[in-house]
Amino acid sequence: MIDDDPFAPPVKKPATLEAELELASVGELEARIERLRREIALCEQFISKKHAQREAADSVFGGRPS
């Protein structure tokens, strides 16, 4: 069975984040929050790694010029 109907009108995405959130269910919003929390945690891990790399480089080559 094919889910895509080539003759169906295209589905328009909401123009703004607020419009998208307005159309979402509570479960969809909670799932979105969890995905965002995981993404934030990953970003924070990479920030920590980059700070450590910078500190290691600064200890070998000296600090950045002022």
N, C-alpha and C. Protein backbone atom coordinates (compact mmCIF):
# COMPACT_ATOMS: atom_id res chain seq x y z
N MET A 1 0.84 -1.18 0.00
CA MET A 1 0.00 0.00 0.00
C MET A 1 0.89 1.24 0.00
N ILE A 2 0.53 2.18 -0.83
CA ILE A 2 1.31 3.41 -0.96
C ILE A 2 0.63 4.50 -0.14
N ASP A 3 1.41 5.14 0.74
CA ASP A 3 0.86 6.19 1.58
C ASP A 3 0.80 7.54 0.88
N ASP A 4 1.68 7.76 -0.09
CA ASP A 4 1.75 9.04 -0.77
C ASP A 4 0.74 9.09 -1.90
N ASP A 5 -0.14 10.07 -1.85
CA ASP A 5 -1.11 10.29 -2.91
C ASP A 5 -0.57 11.41 -3.79
N PRO A 6 -0.20 11.10 -5.04
CA PRO A 6 0.37 12.14 -5.90
C PRO A 6 -0.61 13.25 -6.23
N PHE A 7 -1.91 13.02 -6.00
CA PHE A 7 -2.91 14.01 -6.35
C PHE A 7 -3.41 14.80 -5.13
N ALA A 8 -2.90 14.44 -3.96
CA ALA A 8 -3.29 15.16 -2.74
C ALA A 8 -2.65 16.53 -2.74
N PRO A 9 -3.38 17.53 -2.22
CA PRO A 9 -2.77 18.87 -2.15
C PRO A 9 -1.61 18.86 -1.16
N PRO A 10 -0.60 19.67 -1.43
CA PRO A 10 0.55 19.69 -0.51
C PRO A 10 0.14 20.20 0.87
N VAL A 11 0.76 19.63 1.89
CA VAL A 11 0.48 20.04 3.26
C VAL A 11 1.39 21.22 3.57
N LYS A 12 0.78 22.32 3.98
CA LYS A 12 1.57 23.52 4.31
C LYS A 12 2.02 23.45 5.75
N LYS A 13 3.29 23.78 5.97
CA LYS A 13 3.82 23.88 7.32
C LYS A 13 3.43 25.23 7.90
N PRO A 14 3.22 25.28 9.21
CA PRO A 14 2.94 26.56 9.83
C PRO A 14 4.08 27.54 9.59
N ALA A 15 3.74 28.81 9.44
CA ALA A 15 4.73 29.83 9.09
C ALA A 15 5.66 30.17 10.26
N THR A 16 5.19 30.00 11.47
CA THR A 16 6.00 30.39 12.62
C THR A 16 6.08 29.25 13.63
N LEU A 17 7.05 29.34 14.49
CA LEU A 17 7.19 28.35 15.56
C LEU A 17 5.94 28.37 16.44
N GLU A 18 5.44 29.53 16.75
CA GLU A 18 4.25 29.63 17.60
C GLU A 18 3.07 28.91 16.96
N ALA A 19 2.90 29.06 15.65
CA ALA A 19 1.81 28.38 14.95
C ALA A 19 2.01 26.87 14.99
N GLU A 20 3.25 26.42 14.83
CA GLU A 20 3.55 24.99 14.89
C GLU A 20 3.26 24.44 16.28
N LEU A 21 3.66 25.16 17.30
CA LEU A 21 3.42 24.72 18.67
C LEU A 21 1.94 24.72 19.00
N GLU A 22 1.21 25.66 18.48
CA GLU A 22 -0.23 25.73 18.70
C GLU A 22 -0.94 24.50 18.17
N LEU A 23 -0.45 23.96 17.06
CA LEU A 23 -1.06 22.79 16.43
C LEU A 23 -0.63 21.47 17.07
N ALA A 24 0.42 21.50 17.88
CA ALA A 24 0.97 20.27 18.47
C ALA A 24 0.14 19.83 19.68
N SER A 25 0.12 18.52 19.88
CA SER A 25 -0.55 17.97 21.06
C SER A 25 0.39 18.09 22.26
N VAL A 26 -0.16 17.85 23.45
CA VAL A 26 0.65 17.88 24.67
C VAL A 26 1.78 16.85 24.56
N GLY A 27 1.45 15.65 24.09
CA GLY A 27 2.47 14.61 23.94
C GLY A 27 3.56 15.02 22.97
N GLU A 28 3.18 15.65 21.87
CA GLU A 28 4.18 16.11 20.90
C GLU A 28 5.05 17.20 21.50
N LEU A 29 4.45 18.08 22.29
CA LEU A 29 5.22 19.14 22.93
C LEU A 29 6.19 18.56 23.96
N GLU A 30 5.74 17.59 24.73
CA GLU A 30 6.63 16.96 25.71
C GLU A 30 7.77 16.22 25.03
N ALA A 31 7.49 15.55 23.92
CA ALA A 31 8.54 14.85 23.18
C ALA A 31 9.53 15.86 22.61
N ARG A 32 9.03 16.99 22.14
CA ARG A 32 9.91 18.04 21.60
C ARG A 32 10.83 18.57 22.69
N ILE A 33 10.28 18.79 23.88
CA ILE A 33 11.09 19.28 24.99
C ILE A 33 12.19 18.29 25.32
N GLU A 34 11.87 17.00 25.35
CA GLU A 34 12.89 15.98 25.64
C GLU A 34 13.98 15.97 24.58
N ARG A 35 13.60 16.08 23.30
CA ARG A 35 14.61 16.15 22.23
C ARG A 35 15.49 17.38 22.40
N LEU A 36 14.88 18.52 22.73
CA LEU A 36 15.65 19.74 22.92
C LEU A 36 16.59 19.62 24.12
N ARG A 37 16.12 19.00 25.21
CA ARG A 37 16.98 18.80 26.38
C ARG A 37 18.20 17.95 26.04
N ARG A 38 17.96 16.87 25.25
CA ARG A 38 19.09 16.02 24.83
C ARG A 38 20.05 16.81 23.95
N GLU A 39 19.51 17.64 23.06
CA GLU A 39 20.36 18.44 22.19
C GLU A 39 21.16 19.46 22.99
N ILE A 40 20.52 20.09 23.97
CA ILE A 40 21.22 21.05 24.84
C ILE A 40 22.34 20.36 25.59
N ALA A 41 22.06 19.17 26.15
CA ALA A 41 23.08 18.43 26.90
C ALA A 41 24.26 18.10 25.99
N LEU A 42 23.98 17.71 24.75
CA LEU A 42 25.05 17.39 23.81
C LEU A 42 25.87 18.65 23.50
N CYS A 43 25.20 19.77 23.30
CA CYS A 43 25.92 21.03 23.05
C CYS A 43 26.81 21.39 24.23
N GLU A 44 26.29 21.20 25.46
CA GLU A 44 27.09 21.50 26.64
C GLU A 44 28.31 20.60 26.74
N GLN A 45 28.16 19.32 26.36
CA GLN A 45 29.31 18.41 26.35
C GLN A 45 30.37 18.90 25.38
N PHE A 46 29.95 19.33 24.20
CA PHE A 46 30.92 19.79 23.20
C PHE A 46 31.56 21.11 23.63
N ILE A 47 30.81 21.97 24.29
CA ILE A 47 31.40 23.21 24.81
C ILE A 47 32.48 22.88 25.82
N SER A 48 32.20 21.93 26.72
CA SER A 48 33.20 21.53 27.72
C SER A 48 34.45 20.96 27.06
N LYS A 49 34.26 20.12 26.04
CA LYS A 49 35.40 19.56 25.31
C LYS A 49 36.22 20.66 24.65
N LYS A 50 35.55 21.62 24.05
CA LYS A 50 36.26 22.69 23.36
C LYS A 50 37.01 23.59 24.35
N HIS A 51 36.40 23.83 25.52
CA HIS A 51 37.11 24.59 26.55
C HIS A 51 38.35 23.84 27.00
N ALA A 52 38.23 22.53 27.18
CA ALA A 52 39.38 21.72 27.61
C ALA A 52 40.47 21.74 26.54
N GLN A 53 40.07 21.65 25.27
CA GLN A 53 41.05 21.70 24.18
C GLN A 53 41.75 23.05 24.15
N ARG A 54 40.99 24.12 24.36
CA ARG A 54 41.58 25.47 24.36
C ARG A 54 42.55 25.62 25.52
N GLU A 55 42.16 25.13 26.69
CA GLU A 55 43.03 25.23 27.86
C GLU A 55 44.31 24.42 27.65
N ALA A 56 44.19 23.24 27.03
CA ALA A 56 45.37 22.43 26.76
C ALA A 56 46.29 23.14 25.77
N ALA A 57 45.72 23.74 24.74
CA ALA A 57 46.53 24.46 23.76
C ALA A 57 47.19 25.68 24.40
N ASP A 58 46.43 26.39 25.23
CA ASP A 58 46.99 27.57 25.91
C ASP A 58 48.12 27.18 26.84
N SER A 59 48.02 26.01 27.48
CA SER A 59 49.09 25.59 28.39
C SER A 59 50.36 25.23 27.64
N VAL A 60 50.20 24.77 26.40
CA VAL A 60 51.38 24.40 25.59
C VAL A 60 51.94 25.63 24.88
N PHE A 61 51.08 26.41 24.28
CA PHE A 61 51.52 27.52 23.44
C PHE A 61 51.39 28.89 24.09
N GLY A 62 50.92 28.95 25.30
CA GLY A 62 50.69 30.23 25.96
C GLY A 62 49.29 30.71 25.68
N GLY A 63 48.86 31.66 26.45
CA GLY A 63 47.51 32.20 26.32
C GLY A 63 47.31 32.99 25.05
N ARG A 64 46.07 33.29 24.78
CA ARG A 64 45.76 34.09 23.61
C ARG A 64 46.18 35.52 23.84
N PRO A 65 46.59 36.21 22.78
CA PRO A 65 47.00 37.60 22.95
C PRO A 65 45.81 38.48 23.34
N SER A 66 46.10 39.51 24.11
CA SER A 66 45.02 40.43 24.56
C SER A 66 44.68 41.43 23.50
